[in-house]
Amino acid sequence: MKNMGLFDVISGLGKQQKESEFFMINGFW
């Protein structure tokens, strides 16, 4: 699950920075 979260964050960064930030917070917590 952690790996998927990281991947999601990277993908989000390439797609949208705002969404990636939200994903990062959700993934980290």
PDB file of N, CA and C in Angstrom:
ATOM      1  N   MET A   1       0.848  -1.196   0.000  1.00  0.00           N
ATOM      2  CA  MET A   1       0.000   0.000   0.000  1.00  0.00           C
ATOM      3  C   MET A   1       0.891   1.258   0.000  1.00  0.00           C
ATOM      4  N   LYS A   2       1.974   1.191   0.738  1.00  0.00           N
ATOM      5  CA  LYS A   2       2.875   2.351   0.795  1.00  0.00           C
ATOM      6  C   LYS A   2       3.442   2.629  -0.599  1.00  0.00           C
ATOM      7  N   ASN A   3       3.830   1.567  -1.286  1.00  0.00           N
ATOM      8  CA  ASN A   3       4.385   1.721  -2.635  1.00  0.00           C
ATOM      9  C   ASN A   3       3.370   2.386  -3.551  1.00  0.00           C
ATOM     10  N   MET A   4       2.131   1.917  -3.480  1.00  0.00           N
ATOM     11  CA  MET A   4       1.072   2.480  -4.321  1.00  0.00           C
ATOM     12  C   MET A   4       0.906   3.966  -4.002  1.00  0.00           C
ATOM     13  N   GLY A   5       0.929   4.308  -2.727  1.00  0.00           N
ATOM     14  CA  GLY A   5       0.768   5.705  -2.334  1.00  0.00           C
ATOM     15  C   GLY A   5       1.863   6.565  -2.941  1.00  0.00           C
ATOM     16  N   LEU A   6       3.089   6.090  -2.847  1.00  0.00           N
ATOM     17  CA  LEU A   6       4.211   6.846  -3.405  1.00  0.00           C
ATOM     18  C   LEU A   6       4.026   7.031  -4.902  1.00  0.00           C
ATOM     19  N   PHE A   7       3.631   5.941  -5.552  1.00  0.00           N
ATOM     20  CA  PHE A   7       3.424   6.006  -7.005  1.00  0.00           C
ATOM     21  C   PHE A   7       2.340   7.027  -7.327  1.00  0.00           C
ATOM     22  N   ASP A   8       1.272   7.007  -6.520  1.00  0.00           N
ATOM     23  CA  ASP A   8       0.166   7.958  -6.726  1.00  0.00           C
ATOM     24  C   ASP A   8       0.669   9.387  -6.591  1.00  0.00           C
ATOM     25  N   VAL A   9       1.508   9.606  -5.611  1.00  0.00           N
ATOM     26  CA  VAL A   9       2.037  10.962  -5.380  1.00  0.00           C
ATOM     27  C   VAL A   9       2.847  11.410  -6.589  1.00  0.00           C
ATOM     28  N   ILE A  10       3.716  10.532  -7.082  1.00  0.00           N
ATOM     29  CA  ILE A  10       4.550  10.875  -8.243  1.00  0.00           C
ATOM     30  C   ILE A  10       3.661  11.167  -9.446  1.00  0.00           C
ATOM     31  N   SER A  11       2.664  10.306  -9.661  1.00  0.00           N
ATOM     32  CA  SER A  11       1.745  10.491 -10.799  1.00  0.00           C
ATOM     33  C   SER A  11       0.991  11.810 -10.631  1.00  0.00           C
ATOM     34  N   GLY A  12       0.555  12.082  -9.414  1.00  0.00           N
ATOM     35  CA  GLY A  12      -0.181  13.315  -9.151  1.00  0.00           C
ATOM     36  C   GLY A  12       0.682  14.533  -9.452  1.00  0.00           C
ATOM     37  N   LEU A  13       1.951  14.455  -9.084  1.00  0.00           N
ATOM     38  CA  LEU A  13       2.836  15.592  -9.321  1.00  0.00           C
ATOM     39  C   LEU A  13       2.893  15.906 -10.809  1.00  0.00           C
ATOM     40  N   GLY A  14       2.996  14.867 -11.616  1.00  0.00           N
ATOM     41  CA  GLY A  14       3.073  15.063 -13.064  1.00  0.00           C
ATOM     42  C   GLY A  14       1.752  15.577 -13.616  1.00  0.00           C
ATOM     43  N   LYS A  15       0.646  15.188 -12.972  1.00  0.00           N
ATOM     44  CA  LYS A  15      -0.678  15.603 -13.465  1.00  0.00           C
ATOM     45  C   LYS A  15      -1.076  16.937 -12.841  1.00  0.00           C
ATOM     46  N   GLN A  16      -1.153  16.958 -11.516  1.00  0.00           N
ATOM     47  CA  GLN A  16      -1.572  18.193 -10.830  1.00  0.00           C
ATOM     48  C   GLN A  16      -0.796  18.340  -9.531  1.00  0.00           C
ATOM     49  N   GLN A  17      -0.281  19.529  -9.280  1.00  0.00           N
ATOM     50  CA  GLN A  17       0.499  19.750  -8.062  1.00  0.00           C
ATOM     51  C   GLN A  17      -0.411  19.819  -6.841  1.00  0.00           C
ATOM     52  N   LYS A  18      -1.544  20.475  -7.000  1.00  0.00           N
ATOM     53  CA  LYS A  18      -2.464  20.626  -5.865  1.00  0.00           C
ATOM     54  C   LYS A  18      -2.956  19.259  -5.402  1.00  0.00           C
ATOM     55  N   GLU A  19      -3.372  18.431  -6.363  1.00  0.00           N
ATOM     56  CA  GLU A  19      -3.886  17.109  -6.021  1.00  0.00           C
ATOM     57  C   GLU A  19      -2.760  16.276  -5.406  1.00  0.00           C
ATOM     58  N   SER A  20      -1.556  16.410  -5.952  1.00  0.00           N
ATOM     59  CA  SER A  20      -0.418  15.634  -5.447  1.00  0.00           C
ATOM     60  C   SER A  20      -0.160  15.984  -3.984  1.00  0.00           C
ATOM     61  N   GLU A  21      -0.303  17.249  -3.639  1.00  0.00           N
ATOM     62  CA  GLU A  21      -0.088  17.660  -2.244  1.00  0.00           C
ATOM     63  C   GLU A  21      -1.080  16.951  -1.337  1.00  0.00           C
ATOM     64  N   PHE A  22      -2.332  16.923  -1.767  1.00  0.00           N
ATOM     65  CA  PHE A  22      -3.377  16.282  -0.967  1.00  0.00           C
ATOM     66  C   PHE A  22      -3.075  14.798  -0.816  1.00  0.00           C
ATOM     67  N   PHE A  23      -2.649  14.181  -1.923  1.00  0.00           N
ATOM     68  CA  PHE A  23      -2.341  12.748  -1.892  1.00  0.00           C
ATOM     69  C   PHE A  23      -1.159  12.490  -0.967  1.00  0.00           C
ATOM     70  N   MET A  24      -0.194  13.363  -1.016  1.00  0.00           N
ATOM     71  CA  MET A  24       0.994  13.204  -0.177  1.00  0.00           C
ATOM     72  C   MET A  24       0.588  13.207   1.297  1.00  0.00           C
ATOM     73  N   ILE A  25      -0.256  14.167   1.666  1.00  0.00           N
ATOM     74  CA  ILE A  25      -0.699  14.268   3.065  1.00  0.00           C
ATOM     75  C   ILE A  25      -1.465  13.008   3.445  1.00  0.00           C
ATOM     76  N   ASN A  26      -2.374  12.578   2.560  1.00  0.00           N
ATOM     77  CA  ASN A  26      -3.175  11.390   2.855  1.00  0.00           C
ATOM     78  C   ASN A  26      -2.287  10.152   2.898  1.00  0.00           C
ATOM     79  N   GLY A  27      -1.325  10.079   1.986  1.00  0.00           N
ATOM     80  CA  GLY A  27      -0.442   8.917   1.937  1.00  0.00           C
ATOM     81  C   GLY A  27       0.477   8.872   3.157  1.00  0.00           C
ATOM     82  N   PHE A  28       0.986  10.022   3.536  1.00  0.00           N
ATOM     83  CA  PHE A  28       1.911  10.069   4.673  1.00  0.00           C
ATOM     84  C   PHE A  28       1.213   9.673   5.964  1.00  0.00           C
ATOM     85  N   TRP A  29      -0.031  10.134   6.098  1.00  0.00           N
ATOM     86  CA  TRP A  29      -0.745   9.848   7.350  1.00  0.00           C
ATOM     87  C   TRP A  29      -1.351   8.472   7.283  1.00  0.00           C
TER      88      TRP A  29
END
